[in-house]
Amino acid sequence: MKIILQKDVPNVGQIGKVIEVKFGFGKNWLIPQGLAILATTSLLKQIEDKQNKFKKEHEETLKQWNLNIEKLKKSALVIKAKVTEKDNLYSHITAKNIKDELKKQCKIEISEKQIKIPNEIKHIGEHKAIIELTPELTQELNVKIEAIKNKTKDKKISVKKPTIRKKTVKKTIKKE
């Protein structure tokens, strides 16, 4: 019996696959559970059309991602962050920070899940991050962390001058 899987079934196949199963297994378990439907010639044609359309879209996205990878090879990402006196960051750099900076600087939009950071970024300097667009398409990204200068050091401390009350001035004048 030929069936089309509607959901991933362990030890059987993945969603959208056309597979051959025993008649009883398909009729008594897969179809009633909503895990599969019977494969007819019209459904097989529809699936083939969808797969062709998916392949074309997939090729277009791969071309776009290849262009993005070329952009990443040429540039290093610069992130400015607040640091302590010992050049440690107040908070470590995360995949979200890298994603936001990629969007600002390189105009590349990717998911946080596609960014892998091998070592936590807690210090200023140059670090590596891995951008994994697909399992086949990965690129190493240079991330440079720069310190933001603390503005509180440059400010002058203003001393408040004592004010003289009017009542005390009047009393001193009357006594004389």
Protein backbone atom coordinates (compact mmCIF):
# COMPACT_ATOMS: atom_id res chain seq x y z
CA MET A 1 0.00 0.00 0.00
CA LYS A 2 1.43 3.40 -1.00
CA ILE A 3 0.86 6.20 1.49
CA ILE A 4 1.92 9.82 1.98
CA LEU A 5 3.08 10.69 5.49
CA GLN A 6 1.36 13.71 7.03
CA LYS A 7 3.61 13.76 10.14
CA ASP A 8 7.05 12.45 11.05
CA VAL A 9 6.74 8.81 12.12
CA PRO A 10 9.74 7.24 13.92
CA ASN A 11 11.30 4.28 12.07
CA VAL A 12 8.94 4.87 9.13
CA GLY A 13 9.70 8.20 7.46
CA GLN A 14 9.43 11.97 7.45
CA ILE A 15 6.56 14.25 6.58
CA GLY A 16 5.70 14.41 2.87
CA LYS A 17 7.46 11.15 1.96
CA VAL A 18 5.72 8.62 -0.26
CA ILE A 19 6.43 5.16 1.12
CA GLU A 20 5.27 1.59 0.67
CA VAL A 21 3.91 -0.08 3.83
CA LYS A 22 2.04 -3.27 4.60
CA PHE A 23 -1.71 -3.04 4.05
CA GLY A 24 -2.70 -3.66 7.68
CA PHE A 25 -0.20 -1.16 9.10
CA GLY A 26 -1.41 1.58 6.76
CA LYS A 27 -5.14 0.86 7.07
CA ASN A 28 -5.31 0.09 10.81
CA TRP A 29 -2.72 2.46 12.27
CA LEU A 30 -1.28 5.20 10.05
CA ILE A 31 -4.44 6.41 8.29
CA PRO A 32 -6.81 6.34 11.34
CA GLN A 33 -4.24 8.16 13.50
CA GLY A 34 -3.96 10.92 10.89
CA LEU A 35 -0.29 10.14 10.32
CA ALA A 36 -0.73 9.33 6.63
CA ILE A 37 -3.14 9.45 3.70
CA LEU A 38 -3.62 7.02 0.84
CA ALA A 39 -1.45 7.91 -2.16
CA THR A 40 -3.57 8.40 -5.27
CA THR A 41 -2.31 9.47 -8.69
CA SER A 42 -3.73 13.01 -8.30
CA LEU A 43 -2.12 13.44 -4.87
CA LEU A 44 1.21 12.16 -6.19
CA LYS A 45 1.08 14.78 -8.99
CA GLN A 46 0.32 17.53 -6.46
CA ILE A 47 3.23 16.44 -4.27
CA GLU A 48 5.57 16.37 -7.25
CA ASP A 49 4.50 19.91 -8.22
CA LYS A 50 5.01 21.14 -4.64
CA GLN A 51 8.45 19.53 -4.49
CA ASN A 52 9.48 21.20 -7.77
CA LYS A 53 8.25 24.57 -6.48
CA PHE A 54 10.07 24.02 -3.18
CA LYS A 55 13.31 23.16 -5.02
CA LYS A 56 13.13 26.40 -7.04
CA GLU A 57 12.51 28.48 -3.91
CA HIS A 58 15.29 26.64 -2.10
CA GLU A 59 17.73 27.40 -4.93
CA GLU A 60 16.82 31.11 -4.80
CA THR A 61 17.37 31.26 -1.03
CA LEU A 62 20.71 29.44 -1.43
CA LYS A 63 21.82 32.09 -3.97
CA GLN A 64 20.82 34.85 -1.55
CA TRP A 65 22.64 33.16 1.33
CA ASN A 66 25.77 32.74 -0.82
CA LEU A 67 25.72 36.51 -1.45
CA ASN A 68 25.36 37.08 2.30
CA ILE A 69 28.33 34.80 2.99
CA GLU A 70 30.43 36.77 0.50
CA LYS A 71 29.54 39.96 2.41
CA LEU A 72 30.54 38.30 5.69
CA LYS A 73 33.91 37.16 4.31
CA LYS A 74 34.84 40.72 3.39
CA SER A 75 34.00 42.45 6.66
CA ALA A 76 34.49 42.13 10.39
CA LEU A 77 31.65 42.95 12.73
CA VAL A 78 32.36 45.72 15.26
CA ILE A 79 30.31 45.82 18.47
CA LYS A 80 30.67 48.60 21.01
CA ALA A 81 29.97 47.71 24.63
CA LYS A 82 30.44 49.16 28.10
CA VAL A 83 33.45 47.84 29.98
CA THR A 84 34.85 47.91 33.49
CA GLU A 85 38.24 49.34 34.41
CA LYS A 86 39.83 45.92 33.81
CA ASP A 87 38.47 45.73 30.22
CA ASN A 88 35.81 43.18 31.10
CA LEU A 89 32.33 43.60 29.65
CA TYR A 90 29.46 44.37 32.01
CA SER A 91 27.38 41.75 30.20
CA HIS A 92 28.57 39.14 27.73
CA ILE A 93 27.83 39.39 24.00
CA THR A 94 25.05 37.03 22.89
CA ALA A 95 23.75 35.78 19.56
CA LYS A 96 21.03 38.44 19.76
CA ASN A 97 23.64 41.21 19.96
CA ILE A 98 25.45 39.79 16.94
CA LYS A 99 22.19 39.42 15.02
CA ASP A 100 21.25 43.05 15.69
CA GLU A 101 24.67 44.33 14.62
CA LEU A 102 24.60 42.20 11.45
CA LYS A 103 21.26 43.78 10.61
CA LYS A 104 22.61 47.32 11.23
CA GLN A 105 26.06 47.04 9.67
CA CYS A 106 25.74 44.44 6.89
CA LYS A 107 21.96 44.53 6.28
CA ILE A 108 21.75 40.76 6.73
CA GLU A 109 18.81 39.25 8.56
CA ILE A 110 19.31 35.84 10.13
CA SER A 111 17.93 34.00 13.11
CA GLU A 112 19.67 33.85 16.50
CA LYS A 113 19.65 30.07 16.20
CA GLN A 114 21.91 30.32 13.14
CA ILE A 115 24.65 32.03 15.17
CA LYS A 116 26.98 29.78 17.16
CA ILE A 117 29.42 31.30 19.64
CA PRO A 118 32.11 28.75 20.61
CA ASN A 119 33.46 30.72 23.61
CA GLU A 120 31.59 33.30 25.65
CA ILE A 121 32.51 36.84 24.70
CA LYS A 122 33.29 38.64 27.98
CA HIS A 123 36.37 40.74 27.06
CA ILE A 124 37.20 43.38 24.49
CA GLY A 125 39.21 42.25 21.48
CA GLU A 126 38.66 39.96 18.50
CA HIS A 127 36.51 36.85 18.76
CA LYS A 128 35.05 34.24 16.41
CA ALA A 129 31.42 33.34 15.79
CA ILE A 130 30.05 30.78 13.34
CA ILE A 131 27.10 31.62 11.09
CA GLU A 132 25.29 28.44 10.05
CA LEU A 133 22.72 29.31 7.37
CA THR A 134 22.19 25.66 6.41
CA PRO A 135 24.09 22.53 7.47
CA GLU A 136 26.10 22.84 4.23
CA LEU A 137 26.55 26.64 4.34
CA THR A 138 28.60 27.87 7.29
CA GLN A 139 30.88 30.88 7.64
CA GLU A 140 33.22 32.00 10.38
CA LEU A 141 32.66 35.62 11.39
CA ASN A 142 35.22 37.90 13.04
CA VAL A 143 33.64 39.90 15.85
CA LYS A 144 35.60 42.82 17.25
CA ILE A 145 34.50 44.19 20.61
CA GLU A 146 35.35 47.84 21.30
CA ALA A 147 34.98 49.70 24.57
CA ILE A 148 32.61 52.62 25.04
CA LYS A 149 34.32 55.36 27.02
CA ASN A 150 32.88 56.10 30.42
CA LYS A 151 31.58 59.67 30.48
CA THR A 152 31.45 59.90 34.27
CA LYS A 153 35.24 60.25 34.54
CA ASP A 154 35.29 63.42 32.42
CA LYS A 155 32.59 65.27 34.36
CA LYS A 156 33.67 67.89 36.88
CA ILE A 157 32.29 67.64 40.36
CA SER A 158 30.36 70.78 41.15
CA VAL A 159 30.48 72.09 44.71
CA LYS A 160 27.30 73.56 46.04
CA LYS A 161 27.83 76.98 47.58
CA PRO A 162 26.16 77.66 50.90
CA THR A 163 23.37 80.20 50.66
CA ILE A 164 22.71 82.90 53.20
CA ARG A 165 19.20 83.14 54.54
CA LYS A 166 17.46 86.47 54.46
CA LYS A 167 16.39 86.26 58.12
CA THR A 168 19.96 85.96 59.36
CA VAL A 169 21.02 88.96 57.29
CA LYS A 170 18.21 91.14 58.72
CA LYS A 171 19.04 90.20 62.32
CA THR A 172 22.66 91.13 61.92
CA ILE A 173 21.78 94.52 60.45
CA LYS A 174 19.33 95.45 63.26
CA LYS A 175 21.86 94.78 66.03
CA GLU A 176 24.28 97.32 64.76
